[in-house]
């Protein structure tokens, strides 16, 4: 019995520590489980399966932004860009060619400005013979140019003929009055008589000798006629007793009338020798010759007035004597008409560009403030029609 008790006691002594140890291990494991089974982190399914983020379809499929068709399908902008991208602009000069520092250069500047703004191609053909007008225009037609600018009254017939034969090409005829409206021809024309009138008024008002002159290309070209006769009318309006000498280069053909600076200079020098102290040069390179004559005689106080563009900038050789220029804003007019094509607003017929006088630049202080005010008032009167130049559109007879 005692032996059994002893045996039992011995077994208990051996088993109880084991059971205690096992109990501690068993209870420790469950309390450590949160770290091992930290299900919140492992089962943070909402974050992993956070359907709202994955299924936040409204933001992902925000149809209004994606289907804002009006903005995305703004066809006008898209088609305008497409039209501009396909545009090819060609320009044909008159026989004075580029480098005339007035008419052709101004038109080409307008073409280049439009081409740059629209990111398209532009090319120029310089005419050396009036018989080549039709051929030069035809070259652009054969090369699939869809806007063709032709410069000068003399190109009007060739321009209109090509336009009628090619109704899908837009033509811009600078200084080409459209007696007959052709849907695909815009005649960019100007009131040269008004610009000439302002120049004449300035010249007569500034002259000390009471004698002024004008050296021009042929008066067979209506814009030249209007410049010259407007100059005369403005001068007489300022001073009825002023003496005005006006000489047109009518003794040569179209191939030379605008490209004869030697004749222009010689004619102006002859005038100056007769007492003329302000000379107006209007006729491409021929007119530029008159400016050079004034420069040669600047020591005698002779002044000059340029034409078409601000020739203080384009003819720097004569800037010391340029009191102003009778301007036709050709470059801006050409640019605007080309952009009308891409905007879909191009219309055939006559389009009138702006005219005015250029600043006096270095000679600004010589022009009285009261005269500047008078000239601006006259310009406004000419615009509104309350003052007339009374110069006919074409040379009578």
Protein backbone atom coordinates (compact mmCIF):
# COMPACT_ATOMS: atom_id res chain seq x y z
CA UNK A 1 0.00 0.00 0.00
CA UNK A 2 2.74 2.36 1.00
CA UNK A 3 4.56 1.25 -2.08
CA UNK A 4 1.60 2.11 -4.25
CA UNK A 5 1.31 5.52 -2.67
CA UNK A 6 4.99 6.13 -3.20
CA UNK A 7 4.71 5.04 -6.77
CA UNK A 8 1.71 7.31 -7.29
CA UNK A 9 3.51 10.23 -5.69
CA UNK A 10 6.48 9.64 -7.92
CA UNK A 11 4.29 9.65 -11.04
CA UNK A 12 2.59 12.87 -9.95
CA UNK A 13 5.94 14.50 -9.37
CA UNK A 14 6.95 13.66 -12.90
CA UNK A 15 3.65 14.43 -14.69
CA UNK A 16 2.52 17.68 -13.04
CA UNK A 17 5.54 19.79 -14.15
CA UNK A 18 5.07 18.52 -17.68
CA UNK A 19 1.38 19.42 -17.61
CA UNK A 20 2.13 22.88 -16.18
CA UNK A 21 4.73 23.49 -18.82
CA UNK A 22 2.36 22.32 -21.49
CA UNK A 23 -0.38 24.55 -20.13
CA UNK A 24 1.85 27.64 -20.23
CA UNK A 25 2.88 26.90 -23.81
CA UNK A 26 -0.70 26.37 -24.82
CA UNK A 27 -1.92 29.60 -23.25
CA UNK A 28 1.03 31.62 -24.59
CA UNK A 29 0.39 30.59 -28.18
CA UNK A 30 -3.18 31.91 -28.26
CA UNK A 31 -2.16 35.29 -26.77
CA UNK A 32 0.61 35.59 -29.31
CA UNK A 33 -1.82 34.71 -32.06
CA UNK A 34 -3.03 38.26 -32.57
CA UNK A 35 0.43 39.07 -33.88
CA UNK A 36 0.50 35.94 -35.97
CA UNK A 37 -3.15 36.13 -36.94
CA UNK A 38 -3.46 39.87 -36.90
CA UNK A 39 -6.32 39.37 -39.30
CA UNK A 40 -7.20 43.02 -39.33
CA UNK A 41 -3.97 43.65 -41.22
CA UNK A 42 -4.18 40.46 -43.22
CA UNK A 43 -7.91 40.61 -43.62
CA UNK A 44 -8.08 44.35 -44.15
CA UNK A 45 -9.94 43.24 -47.23
CA UNK A 46 -11.78 46.50 -47.46
CA UNK A 47 -8.47 48.16 -48.28
CA UNK A 48 -7.33 45.32 -50.53
CA UNK A 49 -10.72 44.82 -52.06
CA UNK A 50 -11.72 48.39 -51.53
CA UNK A 51 -14.23 48.18 -54.30
CA UNK A 52 -15.12 51.79 -53.90
CA UNK A 53 -11.64 52.74 -55.12
CA UNK A 54 -11.65 50.07 -57.80
CA UNK A 55 -15.28 50.58 -58.61
CA UNK A 56 -15.21 54.36 -58.26
CA UNK A 57 -16.59 54.23 -61.74
CA UNK A 58 -18.06 57.67 -61.60
CA UNK A 59 -14.55 59.11 -61.43
CA UNK A 60 -13.06 56.63 -63.87
CA UNK A 61 -15.98 56.65 -66.21
CA UNK A 62 -16.85 60.25 -65.59
CA UNK A 63 -18.70 60.30 -68.86
CA UNK A 64 -19.33 64.01 -68.79
CA UNK A 65 -15.59 64.68 -69.08
CA UNK A 66 -15.01 61.85 -71.55
CA UNK A 67 -18.18 62.42 -73.47
CA UNK A 68 -18.06 66.20 -73.42
CA UNK A 69 -18.59 65.82 -77.12
CA UNK A 70 -19.19 69.47 -77.79
CA UNK A 71 -15.63 70.28 -76.73
CA UNK A 72 -14.11 67.11 -78.15
CA UNK A 73 -15.97 67.25 -81.39
CA UNK A 74 -15.78 71.00 -81.86
CA UNK A 75 -15.79 70.42 -85.60
CA UNK A 76 -15.35 74.05 -86.53
CA UNK A 77 -11.96 74.19 -84.80
CA UNK A 78 -10.97 70.80 -86.14
CA UNK A 79 -12.01 71.51 -89.68
CA UNK A 80 -10.40 74.95 -89.62
CA UNK A 81 -7.14 73.36 -88.56
CA UNK A 82 -7.47 70.75 -91.26
CA UNK A 83 -8.14 73.41 -93.86
CA UNK A 84 -5.11 75.41 -92.74
CA UNK A 85 -2.98 72.29 -92.77
CA UNK A 86 -3.85 71.62 -96.41
CA UNK A 87 -3.37 75.23 -97.51
CA UNK A 88 -0.74 76.16 -100.11
CA UNK A 89 -0.32 79.87 -100.78
CA UNK A 90 1.26 81.20 -103.95
CA UNK A 91 1.99 84.80 -104.94
CA UNK A 92 2.75 86.26 -108.37
CA UNK A 93 4.42 89.69 -108.42
CA UNK A 94 4.13 92.33 -111.07
CA UNK A 95 7.19 93.19 -113.16
CA UNK A 96 8.78 95.35 -110.41
CA UNK A 97 9.39 92.05 -108.55
CA UNK A 98 10.46 91.69 -104.94
CA UNK A 99 12.89 94.25 -103.66
CA UNK A 100 10.76 97.20 -104.77
CA UNK A 101 10.60 98.18 -101.09
CA UNK A 102 6.94 99.08 -101.45
CA UNK A 103 4.12 97.33 -103.32
CA UNK A 104 5.33 93.78 -104.01
CA UNK A 105 7.36 93.60 -100.81
CA UNK A 106 4.33 94.65 -98.76
CA UNK A 107 2.11 92.00 -100.35
CA UNK A 108 4.73 89.30 -99.84
CA UNK A 109 5.11 90.34 -96.19
CA UNK A 110 1.36 89.78 -95.80
CA UNK A 111 1.59 86.34 -97.41
CA UNK A 112 4.51 85.36 -95.19
CA UNK A 113 2.72 86.56 -92.07
CA UNK A 114 -0.37 84.48 -92.86
CA UNK A 115 1.74 81.42 -93.73
CA UNK A 116 3.64 81.69 -90.46
CA UNK A 117 0.48 82.10 -88.37
CA UNK A 118 -1.20 79.16 -90.09
CA UNK A 119 1.89 76.96 -90.32
CA UNK A 120 1.54 76.39 -94.06
CA UNK A 121 3.58 76.65 -97.25
CA UNK A 122 4.05 79.86 -99.23
CA UNK A 123 5.91 80.46 -102.48
CA UNK A 124 6.44 83.48 -104.74
CA UNK A 125 7.01 83.75 -108.50
CA UNK A 126 8.60 87.01 -109.62
CA UNK A 127 7.35 88.22 -112.99
CA UNK A 128 9.93 89.67 -115.38
CA UNK A 129 7.75 89.96 -118.47
CA UNK A 130 4.06 91.00 -118.60
CA UNK A 131 3.49 88.19 -121.10
CA UNK A 132 4.21 85.70 -118.31
CA UNK A 133 1.33 86.63 -116.00
CA UNK A 134 -0.91 83.81 -117.19
CA UNK A 135 1.93 81.27 -117.23
CA UNK A 136 3.05 82.16 -113.70
CA UNK A 137 -0.46 81.87 -112.30
CA UNK A 138 -0.89 78.59 -114.19
CA UNK A 139 2.20 77.17 -112.51
CA UNK A 140 0.56 77.50 -109.10
CA UNK A 141 -2.66 76.01 -110.45
CA UNK A 142 -0.79 72.97 -111.79
CA UNK A 143 0.98 72.52 -108.46
CA UNK A 144 -2.36 72.42 -106.61
CA UNK A 145 -2.02 75.69 -104.70
CA UNK A 146 -5.42 76.63 -103.33
CA UNK A 147 -4.81 80.31 -102.54
CA UNK A 148 -3.14 82.48 -105.17
CA UNK A 149 -2.30 86.14 -104.55
CA UNK A 150 -1.60 88.27 -107.62
CA UNK A 151 -0.11 91.71 -107.18
CA UNK A 152 -1.01 94.66 -109.33
CA UNK A 153 -3.68 96.04 -111.61
CA UNK A 154 -1.92 94.64 -114.67
CA UNK A 155 -2.57 91.06 -113.52
CA UNK A 156 -6.34 91.53 -113.24
CA UNK A 157 -7.32 89.93 -116.56
CA UNK A 158 -5.06 86.91 -116.10
CA UNK A 159 -6.28 86.51 -112.52
CA UNK A 160 -9.97 86.61 -113.41
CA UNK A 161 -9.51 84.21 -116.33
CA UNK A 162 -7.72 81.68 -114.09
CA UNK A 163 -10.37 82.10 -111.38
CA UNK A 164 -13.22 81.31 -113.71
CA UNK A 165 -11.42 78.21 -114.94
CA UNK A 166 -10.59 77.06 -111.39
CA UNK A 167 -13.58 77.81 -109.12
CA UNK A 168 -12.15 75.77 -106.24
CA UNK A 169 -9.08 78.00 -105.94
CA UNK A 170 -9.31 81.28 -104.03
CA UNK A 171 -7.67 84.29 -105.68
CA UNK A 172 -6.70 87.56 -104.00
CA UNK A 173 -6.01 90.34 -106.50
CA UNK A 174 -4.14 93.23 -104.92
CA UNK A 175 -5.14 96.55 -106.53
CA UNK A 176 -7.55 94.73 -108.83
CA UNK A 177 -10.95 96.40 -108.80
CA UNK A 178 -13.68 93.87 -109.54
CA UNK A 179 -16.18 95.35 -111.98
CA UNK A 180 -17.76 91.88 -112.19
CA UNK A 181 -18.07 89.86 -109.00
CA UNK A 182 -16.45 86.44 -109.31
CA UNK A 183 -17.18 84.25 -106.25
CA UNK A 184 -13.59 83.05 -105.80
CA UNK A 185 -11.82 86.38 -106.42
CA UNK A 186 -11.39 89.04 -103.74
CA UNK A 187 -10.12 92.34 -105.12
CA UNK A 188 -8.08 94.01 -102.38
CA UNK A 189 -8.39 97.68 -103.31
CA UNK A 190 -7.64 100.99 -101.62
CA UNK A 191 -8.73 104.59 -101.72
CA UNK A 192 -5.38 105.80 -103.04
CA UNK A 193 -6.86 109.22 -103.78
CA UNK A 194 -7.43 109.68 -100.04
CA UNK A 195 -3.87 108.67 -99.13
CA UNK A 196 -2.56 110.95 -101.89
CA UNK A 197 -4.81 113.77 -100.68
CA UNK A 198 -3.35 113.58 -97.17
CA UNK A 199 0.19 113.51 -98.59
CA UNK A 200 -0.52 116.55 -100.76
CA UNK A 201 -2.04 118.45 -97.87
CA UNK A 202 1.07 117.72 -95.79
CA UNK A 203 3.46 118.68 -98.61
CA UNK A 204 1.77 122.00 -99.41
CA UNK A 205 1.58 122.88 -95.73
CA UNK A 206 5.27 122.12 -95.15
CA UNK A 207 6.69 123.61 -98.35
CA UNK A 208 8.70 126.79 -97.97
CA UNK A 209 9.04 127.48 -101.67
CA UNK A 210 5.38 126.96 -102.51
CA UNK A 211 6.43 124.37 -105.11
CA UNK A 212 5.95 120.62 -104.69
CA UNK A 213 6.24 117.67 -107.08
CA UNK A 214 5.22 114.06 -107.67
CA UNK A 215 7.08 111.40 -109.68
CA UNK A 216 4.88 108.43 -110.56
CA UNK A 217 4.53 105.32 -112.69
CA UNK A 218 2.08 105.28 -115.57
CA UNK A 219 -1.34 106.86 -115.07
CA UNK A 220 -2.80 104.02 -117.16
CA UNK A 221 -2.84 102.15 -113.85
CA UNK A 222 -5.85 103.53 -111.90
CA UNK A 223 -4.28 103.36 -108.42
CA UNK A 224 -1.30 105.40 -109.64
CA UNK A 225 -3.64 107.93 -111.22
CA UNK A 226 -5.59 108.24 -107.98
CA UNK A 227 -2.39 108.72 -105.95
CA UNK A 228 -1.18 111.52 -108.22
CA UNK A 229 -4.46 113.36 -108.60
CA UNK A 230 -5.30 112.94 -104.91
CA UNK A 231 -1.92 114.50 -104.11
CA UNK A 232 -2.73 117.48 -106.31
CA UNK A 233 -6.22 117.89 -104.78
CA UNK A 234 -4.94 117.74 -101.21
CA UNK A 235 -2.20 120.26 -101.92
CA UNK A 236 -4.64 122.75 -103.43
CA UNK A 237 -7.01 122.26 -100.50
CA UNK A 238 -4.21 123.25 -98.12
CA UNK A 239 -2.88 126.17 -100.21
CA UNK A 240 -4.80 127.15 -103.35
CA UNK A 241 -1.77 129.01 -104.71
CA UNK A 242 0.73 126.14 -104.37
CA UNK A 243 2.46 125.00 -107.56
CA UNK A 244 2.19 121.23 -108.13
CA UNK A 245 4.29 119.41 -110.73
CA UNK A 246 3.06 115.87 -111.43
CA UNK A 247 4.93 113.65 -113.89
CA UNK A 248 3.78 110.14 -114.88
CA UNK A 249 6.18 107.69 -116.52
CA UNK A 250 3.95 107.13 -119.54
CA UNK A 251 6.68 107.03 -122.16
CA UNK A 252 7.59 103.36 -121.58
CA UNK A 253 5.78 100.03 -121.40
CA UNK A 254 4.57 98.14 -118.35
CA UNK A 255 7.85 96.27 -118.32
CA UNK A 256 9.70 99.43 -117.24
CA UNK A 257 7.28 102.01 -115.88
CA UNK A 258 7.62 100.77 -112.29
CA UNK A 259 11.23 99.64 -112.42
CA UNK A 260 13.11 102.71 -113.60
CA UNK A 261 14.76 104.39 -110.59
CA UNK A 262 17.19 106.29 -112.81
CA UNK A 263 14.33 108.03 -114.61
CA UNK A 264 12.61 108.68 -111.28
CA UNK A 265 15.71 110.27 -109.81
CA UNK A 266 16.49 112.37 -112.89
CA UNK A 267 12.89 113.62 -113.06
CA UNK A 268 12.88 114.58 -109.39
CA UNK A 269 16.24 116.35 -109.65
CA UNK A 270 14.87 118.39 -112.53
CA UNK A 271 11.92 119.43 -110.38
CA UNK A 272 14.20 120.31 -107.47
CA UNK A 273 16.31 122.47 -109.75
CA UNK A 274 13.11 124.41 -110.54
CA UNK A 275 12.45 125.14 -106.88
CA UNK A 276 10.44 122.11 -105.74
CA UNK A 277 11.32 121.40 -102.11
CA UNK A 278 9.05 118.41 -101.38
CA UNK A 279 8.72 115.49 -103.80
CA UNK A 280 6.29 112.55 -103.69
CA UNK A 281 7.59 109.31 -105.22
CA UNK A 282 4.89 106.79 -106.18
CA UNK A 283 5.61 103.97 -108.60
CA UNK A 284 7.68 101.09 -107.25
CA UNK A 285 11.40 101.41 -107.97
CA UNK A 286 10.69 104.38 -110.21
CA UNK A 287 9.20 106.30 -107.31
CA UNK A 288 12.12 105.29 -105.11
CA UNK A 289 14.37 107.19 -107.50
CA UNK A 290 12.62 110.40 -106.45
CA UNK A 291 13.41 109.64 -102.80
CA UNK A 292 17.08 109.20 -103.67
CA UNK A 293 17.04 112.57 -105.44
CA UNK A 294 15.71 114.26 -102.31
CA UNK A 295 18.41 112.55 -100.28
CA UNK A 296 21.04 113.91 -102.66
CA UNK A 297 19.70 117.43 -102.15
CA UNK A 298 19.00 117.27 -98.43
CA UNK A 299 21.57 120.01 -97.89
CA UNK A 300 19.07 122.33 -99.62
CA UNK A 301 16.27 121.29 -97.26
CA UNK A 302 14.48 119.07 -99.77
CA UNK A 303 12.05 116.58 -98.25
CA UNK A 304 10.32 113.50 -99.65
CA UNK A 305 7.12 111.49 -99.21
CA UNK A 306 7.13 107.75 -99.88
CA UNK A 307 4.32 105.44 -100.95
CA UNK A 308 2.47 102.17 -100.25
CA UNK A 309 4.34 101.34 -97.05
CA UNK A 310 6.32 103.26 -94.42
CA UNK A 311 9.39 103.78 -96.57
CA UNK A 312 11.37 105.18 -93.67
CA UNK A 313 11.66 101.50 -92.76
CA UNK A 314 11.93 100.00 -96.24
CA UNK A 315 14.17 102.62 -97.87
CA UNK A 316 16.60 103.55 -95.09
CA UNK A 317 18.88 105.27 -97.63
CA UNK A 318 16.34 108.11 -97.73
CA UNK A 319 15.16 108.15 -94.12
CA UNK A 320 16.85 111.49 -93.42
CA UNK A 321 14.48 113.28 -95.81
CA UNK A 322 11.26 111.26 -95.46
CA UNK A 323 8.62 113.44 -93.87
CA UNK A 324 6.01 110.66 -94.29
CA UNK A 325 4.64 108.03 -96.69
CA UNK A 326 1.20 107.74 -98.26
CA UNK A 327 0.40 104.25 -97.09
CA UNK A 328 -1.84 101.48 -98.26
CA UNK A 329 -1.85 98.87 -95.52
CA UNK A 330 -1.27 96.09 -98.03
CA UNK A 331 0.41 93.51 -95.80
CA UNK A 332 -2.38 93.42 -93.24
CA UNK A 333 -5.02 93.38 -95.96
CA UNK A 334 -3.42 90.36 -97.67
CA UNK A 335 -3.00 88.51 -94.37
CA UNK A 336 -6.63 89.11 -93.45
CA UNK A 337 -7.94 87.82 -96.79
CA UNK A 338 -5.88 84.62 -96.57
CA UNK A 339 -7.19 83.97 -93.08
CA UNK A 340 -10.73 84.51 -94.36
CA UNK A 341 -10.15 81.42 -96.49
CA UNK A 342 -9.25 79.24 -93.51
CA UNK A 343 -12.05 80.73 -91.42
CA UNK A 344 -14.58 79.93 -94.11
CA UNK A 345 -15.51 83.61 -94.48
CA UNK A 346 -13.92 84.33 -97.86
CA UNK A 347 -16.12 86.31 -100.24
CA UNK A 348 -15.67 87.44 -103.81
CA UNK A 349 -15.91 91.09 -104.81
CA UNK A 350 -14.08 94.21 -103.69
CA UNK A 351 -12.55 94.47 -100.24
CA UNK A 352 -11.25 97.87 -99.19
CA UNK A 353 -8.03 98.06 -97.20
CA UNK A 354 -6.93 100.92 -94.98
CA UNK A 355 -4.93 103.99 -96.05
CA UNK A 356 -3.18 106.75 -94.13
CA UNK A 357 0.07 108.62 -93.55
CA UNK A 358 3.14 107.10 -91.94
CA UNK A 359 4.81 108.80 -88.94
CA UNK A 360 7.40 111.50 -89.60
CA UNK A 361 9.98 109.65 -87.48
CA UNK A 362 13.20 111.72 -87.34
CA UNK A 363 11.39 114.76 -88.72
CA UNK A 364 8.47 114.56 -86.29
CA UNK A 365 9.49 117.77 -84.54
CA UNK A 366 9.36 119.69 -87.82
CA UNK A 367 5.64 119.02 -88.29
CA UNK A 368 3.53 121.48 -86.26
CA UNK A 369 1.09 119.92 -83.81
CA UNK A 370 -1.73 121.96 -85.33
CA UNK A 371 -0.99 120.48 -88.77
CA UNK A 372 -1.03 116.95 -87.37
CA UNK A 373 -4.44 117.68 -85.85
CA UNK A 374 -5.74 119.12 -89.13
CA UNK A 375 -4.56 116.08 -91.09
CA UNK A 376 -6.18 113.66 -88.67
CA UNK A 377 -9.45 115.58 -88.85
CA UNK A 378 -9.28 115.51 -92.64
CA UNK A 379 -8.59 111.76 -92.59
CA UNK A 380 -11.75 111.23 -90.53
CA UNK A 381 -13.75 113.44 -92.90
CA UNK A 382 -12.55 111.40 -95.86
CA UNK A 383 -13.55 108.19 -94.11
CA UNK A 384 -17.04 109.42 -93.27
CA UNK A 385 -17.48 110.99 -96.71
CA UNK A 386 -18.02 114.51 -95.41
CA UNK A 387 -14.95 115.53 -97.46
CA UNK A 388 -14.40 114.37 -101.04
CA UNK A 389 -11.24 114.23 -103.11
CA UNK A 390 -13.27 114.52 -106.34
CA UNK A 391 -10.78 112.21 -108.05
CA UNK A 392 -12.31 109.77 -110.52
CA UNK A 393 -11.78 106.02 -110.21
CA UNK A 394 -10.07 105.92 -113.60
CA UNK A 395 -8.26 108.51 -115.69
CA UNK A 396 -10.94 110.23 -117.80
CA UNK A 397 -10.89 109.49 -121.51
